[in-house]
Amino acid sequence: MKQVSAEDNAPMTVMLDRAREISAMVHGRTSHDLSADRMFQLAVLRLVSVIRDMVDRVRVPGYDRHAVTVWPDVVREYDTVDNDVVWHVITEEIPMLLRALERAMPGHQGRPR
């Protein structure tokens, strides 16, 4: 696989870290939690928003960037959040992006906490 450029490394690292955070937050949760727990919903929306902004800066090998371009409605129209769409993004799209990022950046542990 092609080496990740130094220019792409920073945004990909941010995306990788945020995707891992979303995966950890979603673990053991249900779609009902997204509508019942406002803090969970806001946190997830913020993390998805960060990923969406980063995806404009870099092409992730093995991931269809177009899939992320449908996210703006999820993260920019807070007053009309469609929790079904958000749930799909965080349980289906984010894991696919995470796998692509991990393949593109093998052994990358992300930013230390």
N, C-alpha and C. Protein backbone atom coordinates (compact mmCIF):
# COMPACT_ATOMS: atom_id res chain seq x y z
N MET A 1 0.84 -1.18 0.00
CA MET A 1 0.00 0.00 0.00
C MET A 1 0.87 1.24 0.00
N LYS A 2 0.38 2.28 -0.64
CA LYS A 2 1.10 3.54 -0.74
C LYS A 2 1.31 4.15 0.64
N GLN A 3 2.51 4.69 0.85
CA GLN A 3 2.86 5.36 2.10
C GLN A 3 2.03 6.63 2.26
N VAL A 4 1.59 6.91 3.47
CA VAL A 4 0.83 8.12 3.76
C VAL A 4 1.81 9.29 3.79
N SER A 5 1.48 10.36 3.06
CA SER A 5 2.37 11.51 3.03
C SER A 5 2.34 12.25 4.36
N ALA A 6 3.39 13.00 4.63
CA ALA A 6 3.46 13.79 5.86
C ALA A 6 2.31 14.78 5.91
N GLU A 7 1.94 15.32 4.78
CA GLU A 7 0.83 16.28 4.70
C GLU A 7 -0.50 15.63 5.07
N ASP A 8 -0.69 14.38 4.66
CA ASP A 8 -1.93 13.66 4.96
C ASP A 8 -1.94 13.05 6.35
N ASN A 9 -0.77 12.88 6.93
CA ASN A 9 -0.67 12.20 8.22
C ASN A 9 -1.47 12.90 9.33
N ALA A 10 -1.37 14.22 9.44
CA ALA A 10 -2.05 14.93 10.52
C ALA A 10 -3.57 14.79 10.46
N PRO A 11 -4.20 15.09 9.31
CA PRO A 11 -5.66 14.92 9.29
C PRO A 11 -6.09 13.47 9.44
N MET A 12 -5.29 12.54 8.88
CA MET A 12 -5.65 11.13 9.03
C MET A 12 -5.52 10.69 10.48
N THR A 13 -4.56 11.23 11.20
CA THR A 13 -4.42 10.91 12.62
C THR A 13 -5.63 11.41 13.40
N VAL A 14 -6.06 12.62 13.10
CA VAL A 14 -7.26 13.17 13.75
C VAL A 14 -8.47 12.28 13.46
N MET A 15 -8.63 11.92 12.19
CA MET A 15 -9.76 11.06 11.80
C MET A 15 -9.70 9.72 12.52
N LEU A 16 -8.51 9.14 12.58
CA LEU A 16 -8.33 7.85 13.24
C LEU A 16 -8.69 7.95 14.72
N ASP A 17 -8.19 8.98 15.39
CA ASP A 17 -8.48 9.17 16.81
C ASP A 17 -9.98 9.36 17.05
N ARG A 18 -10.61 10.21 16.25
CA ARG A 18 -12.04 10.48 16.44
C ARG A 18 -12.87 9.24 16.12
N ALA A 19 -12.51 8.50 15.08
CA ALA A 19 -13.25 7.28 14.73
C ALA A 19 -13.13 6.25 15.86
N ARG A 20 -11.97 6.13 16.45
CA ARG A 20 -11.79 5.21 17.58
C ARG A 20 -12.62 5.66 18.77
N GLU A 21 -12.68 6.97 19.00
CA GLU A 21 -13.51 7.48 20.10
C GLU A 21 -14.98 7.17 19.87
N ILE A 22 -15.44 7.36 18.65
CA ILE A 22 -16.84 7.03 18.35
C ILE A 22 -17.09 5.55 18.57
N SER A 23 -16.19 4.71 18.08
CA SER A 23 -16.35 3.26 18.25
C SER A 23 -16.45 2.88 19.73
N ALA A 24 -15.62 3.49 20.55
CA ALA A 24 -15.65 3.21 21.98
C ALA A 24 -16.95 3.70 22.61
N MET A 25 -17.41 4.87 22.20
CA MET A 25 -18.64 5.43 22.75
C MET A 25 -19.87 4.62 22.36
N VAL A 26 -19.87 4.07 21.16
CA VAL A 26 -21.03 3.34 20.65
C VAL A 26 -21.10 1.93 21.23
N HIS A 27 -19.97 1.39 21.61
CA HIS A 27 -19.92 0.02 22.13
C HIS A 27 -20.92 -0.16 23.27
N GLY A 28 -21.79 -1.13 23.13
CA GLY A 28 -22.77 -1.44 24.17
C GLY A 28 -23.99 -0.52 24.16
N ARG A 29 -24.05 0.39 23.21
CA ARG A 29 -25.19 1.31 23.12
C ARG A 29 -26.17 0.83 22.07
N THR A 30 -27.36 1.38 22.11
CA THR A 30 -28.39 1.09 21.11
C THR A 30 -28.80 2.40 20.43
N SER A 31 -29.53 2.27 19.36
CA SER A 31 -30.01 3.47 18.67
C SER A 31 -30.93 4.28 19.57
N HIS A 32 -31.62 3.63 20.48
CA HIS A 32 -32.47 4.35 21.43
C HIS A 32 -31.64 5.30 22.30
N ASP A 33 -30.45 4.88 22.67
CA ASP A 33 -29.58 5.74 23.50
C ASP A 33 -29.28 7.06 22.81
N LEU A 34 -29.22 7.04 21.49
CA LEU A 34 -28.90 8.25 20.74
C LEU A 34 -29.97 9.33 20.92
N SER A 35 -31.23 8.90 20.99
CA SER A 35 -32.29 9.89 21.20
C SER A 35 -32.57 10.13 22.68
N ALA A 36 -32.26 9.17 23.52
CA ALA A 36 -32.56 9.31 24.94
C ALA A 36 -31.47 10.03 25.73
N ASP A 37 -30.24 9.99 25.23
CA ASP A 37 -29.11 10.57 25.95
C ASP A 37 -28.55 11.74 25.14
N ARG A 38 -28.95 12.93 25.51
CA ARG A 38 -28.57 14.13 24.76
C ARG A 38 -27.05 14.35 24.74
N MET A 39 -26.37 14.07 25.86
CA MET A 39 -24.91 14.25 25.87
C MET A 39 -24.23 13.28 24.91
N PHE A 40 -24.72 12.05 24.86
CA PHE A 40 -24.19 11.07 23.92
C PHE A 40 -24.40 11.56 22.48
N GLN A 41 -25.61 12.04 22.19
CA GLN A 41 -25.91 12.53 20.85
C GLN A 41 -25.00 13.70 20.46
N LEU A 42 -24.86 14.67 21.36
CA LEU A 42 -24.02 15.83 21.05
C LEU A 42 -22.55 15.46 20.88
N ALA A 43 -22.07 14.55 21.71
CA ALA A 43 -20.67 14.12 21.60
C ALA A 43 -20.43 13.43 20.27
N VAL A 44 -21.32 12.53 19.89
CA VAL A 44 -21.19 11.81 18.64
C VAL A 44 -21.25 12.78 17.46
N LEU A 45 -22.20 13.70 17.49
CA LEU A 45 -22.31 14.67 16.41
C LEU A 45 -21.05 15.51 16.26
N ARG A 46 -20.46 15.90 17.38
CA ARG A 46 -19.22 16.69 17.33
C ARG A 46 -18.09 15.88 16.70
N LEU A 47 -17.94 14.63 17.11
CA LEU A 47 -16.86 13.80 16.58
C LEU A 47 -17.05 13.53 15.08
N VAL A 48 -18.29 13.28 14.68
CA VAL A 48 -18.58 13.07 13.26
C VAL A 48 -18.27 14.34 12.48
N SER A 49 -18.59 15.48 13.06
CA SER A 49 -18.30 16.76 12.40
C SER A 49 -16.80 16.96 12.18
N VAL A 50 -16.02 16.61 13.17
CA VAL A 50 -14.56 16.74 13.04
C VAL A 50 -14.06 15.83 11.92
N ILE A 51 -14.53 14.60 11.89
CA ILE A 51 -14.11 13.67 10.84
C ILE A 51 -14.52 14.22 9.48
N ARG A 52 -15.73 14.72 9.39
CA ARG A 52 -16.22 15.26 8.12
C ARG A 52 -15.33 16.40 7.63
N ASP A 53 -14.92 17.26 8.54
CA ASP A 53 -14.04 18.37 8.16
C ASP A 53 -12.67 17.87 7.71
N MET A 54 -12.15 16.85 8.34
CA MET A 54 -10.83 16.31 7.99
C MET A 54 -10.87 15.59 6.65
N VAL A 55 -11.97 14.95 6.32
CA VAL A 55 -12.04 14.17 5.09
C VAL A 55 -11.95 15.07 3.86
N ASP A 56 -12.27 16.35 4.03
CA ASP A 56 -12.11 17.30 2.93
C ASP A 56 -10.64 17.56 2.63
N ARG A 57 -9.77 17.29 3.57
CA ARG A 57 -8.34 17.61 3.43
C ARG A 57 -7.50 16.47 2.88
N VAL A 58 -8.04 15.25 2.88
CA VAL A 58 -7.20 14.11 2.54
C VAL A 58 -8.03 13.00 1.90
N ARG A 59 -7.39 12.22 1.06
CA ARG A 59 -8.02 11.02 0.50
C ARG A 59 -7.51 9.82 1.28
N VAL A 60 -8.41 9.08 1.86
CA VAL A 60 -8.04 7.88 2.62
C VAL A 60 -8.03 6.70 1.65
N PRO A 61 -6.85 6.07 1.47
CA PRO A 61 -6.80 4.92 0.56
C PRO A 61 -7.77 3.83 1.00
N GLY A 62 -8.54 3.31 0.05
CA GLY A 62 -9.45 2.21 0.35
C GLY A 62 -10.79 2.64 0.93
N TYR A 63 -11.07 3.95 0.93
CA TYR A 63 -12.35 4.42 1.45
C TYR A 63 -12.96 5.40 0.45
N ASP A 64 -14.22 5.20 0.14
CA ASP A 64 -14.93 6.06 -0.80
C ASP A 64 -15.27 7.38 -0.13
N ARG A 65 -14.54 8.40 -0.49
CA ARG A 65 -14.74 9.72 0.11
C ARG A 65 -16.15 10.23 -0.11
N HIS A 66 -16.79 9.83 -1.19
CA HIS A 66 -18.15 10.27 -1.46
C HIS A 66 -19.10 9.86 -0.33
N ALA A 67 -18.84 8.73 0.30
CA ALA A 67 -19.71 8.29 1.40
C ALA A 67 -19.76 9.34 2.50
N VAL A 68 -18.65 10.00 2.76
CA VAL A 68 -18.59 11.00 3.82
C VAL A 68 -19.26 12.29 3.40
N THR A 69 -19.32 12.56 2.11
CA THR A 69 -19.90 13.82 1.66
C THR A 69 -21.40 13.88 1.92
N VAL A 70 -22.02 12.76 2.23
CA VAL A 70 -23.45 12.79 2.56
C VAL A 70 -23.67 13.11 4.04
N TRP A 71 -22.60 13.22 4.81
CA TRP A 71 -22.72 13.48 6.24
C TRP A 71 -23.09 14.90 6.63
N PRO A 72 -22.91 15.93 5.77
CA PRO A 72 -23.15 17.29 6.24
C PRO A 72 -24.52 17.50 6.87
N ASP A 73 -25.55 16.88 6.29
CA ASP A 73 -26.87 17.04 6.87
C ASP A 73 -26.94 16.45 8.28
N VAL A 74 -26.16 15.43 8.52
CA VAL A 74 -26.14 14.79 9.84
C VAL A 74 -25.54 15.74 10.86
N VAL A 75 -24.50 16.43 10.50
CA VAL A 75 -23.74 17.18 11.49
C VAL A 75 -23.93 18.69 11.43
N ARG A 76 -24.68 19.19 10.49
CA ARG A 76 -24.82 20.64 10.39
C ARG A 76 -26.24 21.13 10.62
N GLU A 77 -27.19 20.25 10.66
CA GLU A 77 -28.57 20.65 10.90
C GLU A 77 -29.02 20.10 12.24
N TYR A 78 -28.45 20.64 13.31
CA TYR A 78 -28.68 20.13 14.65
C TYR A 78 -30.14 20.18 15.08
N ASP A 79 -30.88 21.15 14.56
CA ASP A 79 -32.27 21.27 14.99
C ASP A 79 -33.16 20.20 14.36
N THR A 80 -32.66 19.50 13.35
CA THR A 80 -33.44 18.47 12.69
C THR A 80 -32.63 17.18 12.56
N VAL A 81 -32.01 16.77 13.62
CA VAL A 81 -31.17 15.57 13.58
C VAL A 81 -32.04 14.34 13.34
N ASP A 82 -31.63 13.56 12.36
CA ASP A 82 -32.29 12.29 12.08
C ASP A 82 -31.45 11.20 12.74
N ASN A 83 -31.90 10.74 13.88
CA ASN A 83 -31.12 9.78 14.65
C ASN A 83 -30.89 8.46 13.92
N ASP A 84 -31.80 8.09 13.02
CA ASP A 84 -31.59 6.87 12.23
C ASP A 84 -30.38 7.04 11.31
N VAL A 85 -30.26 8.20 10.71
CA VAL A 85 -29.12 8.47 9.83
C VAL A 85 -27.84 8.54 10.65
N VAL A 86 -27.89 9.23 11.77
CA VAL A 86 -26.70 9.32 12.65
C VAL A 86 -26.28 7.93 13.08
N TRP A 87 -27.23 7.12 13.50
CA TRP A 87 -26.91 5.76 13.95
C TRP A 87 -26.25 4.96 12.83
N HIS A 88 -26.77 5.10 11.61
CA HIS A 88 -26.16 4.42 10.47
C HIS A 88 -24.72 4.89 10.27
N VAL A 89 -24.50 6.18 10.33
CA VAL A 89 -23.15 6.72 10.14
C VAL A 89 -22.20 6.17 11.20
N ILE A 90 -22.61 6.19 12.47
CA ILE A 90 -21.68 5.80 13.53
C ILE A 90 -21.52 4.29 13.68
N THR A 91 -22.48 3.51 13.18
CA THR A 91 -22.35 2.06 13.31
C THR A 91 -21.95 1.35 12.02
N GLU A 92 -22.12 2.03 10.88
CA GLU A 92 -21.78 1.42 9.60
C GLU A 92 -20.63 2.16 8.89
N GLU A 93 -20.78 3.46 8.72
CA GLU A 93 -19.79 4.24 7.98
C GLU A 93 -18.48 4.43 8.76
N ILE A 94 -18.59 4.79 10.02
CA ILE A 94 -17.39 5.03 10.82
C ILE A 94 -16.53 3.76 10.92
N PRO A 95 -17.11 2.58 11.17
CA PRO A 95 -16.26 1.38 11.19
C PRO A 95 -15.55 1.11 9.86
N MET A 96 -16.22 1.39 8.73
CA MET A 96 -15.55 1.21 7.43
C MET A 96 -14.40 2.19 7.27
N LEU A 97 -14.63 3.44 7.66
CA LEU A 97 -13.58 4.44 7.60
C LEU A 97 -12.43 4.07 8.53
N LEU A 98 -12.76 3.61 9.71
CA LEU A 98 -11.74 3.21 10.69
C LEU A 98 -10.86 2.09 10.13
N ARG A 99 -11.47 1.09 9.52
CA ARG A 99 -10.68 0.00 8.92
C ARG A 99 -9.76 0.53 7.82
N ALA A 100 -10.28 1.43 6.99
CA ALA A 100 -9.46 1.99 5.91
C ALA A 100 -8.29 2.80 6.48
N LEU A 101 -8.55 3.56 7.52
CA LEU A 101 -7.49 4.35 8.16
C LEU A 101 -6.44 3.44 8.79
N GLU A 102 -6.88 2.38 9.45
CA GLU A 102 -5.93 1.45 10.09
C GLU A 102 -5.09 0.72 9.05
N ARG A 103 -5.68 0.42 7.89
CA ARG A 103 -4.89 -0.19 6.80
C ARG A 103 -3.89 0.81 6.24
N ALA A 104 -4.31 2.06 6.11
CA ALA A 104 -3.44 3.09 5.54
C ALA A 104 -2.33 3.50 6.49
N MET A 105 -2.55 3.31 7.79
CA MET A 105 -1.59 3.75 8.81
C MET A 105 -1.30 2.56 9.75
N PRO A 106 -0.76 1.47 9.22
CA PRO A 106 -0.56 0.28 10.05
C PRO A 106 0.33 0.57 11.25
N GLY A 107 -0.07 0.04 12.39
CA GLY A 107 0.73 0.21 13.61
C GLY A 107 0.56 1.57 14.26
N HIS A 108 -0.22 2.44 13.65
CA HIS A 108 -0.39 3.79 14.22
C HIS A 108 -1.28 3.69 15.45
N GLN A 109 -0.79 4.19 16.54
CA GLN A 109 -1.54 4.11 17.79
C GLN A 109 -2.39 5.34 18.06
N GLY A 110 -2.28 6.35 17.24
CA GLY A 110 -3.03 7.57 17.49
C GLY A 110 -2.31 8.45 18.47
N ARG A 111 -2.95 9.53 18.79
CA ARG A 111 -2.34 10.50 19.71
C ARG A 111 -2.47 10.00 21.14
N PRO A 112 -1.39 10.08 21.93
CA PRO A 112 -1.48 9.67 23.33
C PRO A 112 -2.48 10.52 24.08
N ARG A 113 -3.17 9.92 25.00
CA ARG A 113 -4.16 10.64 25.82
C ARG A 113 -3.55 11.06 27.12
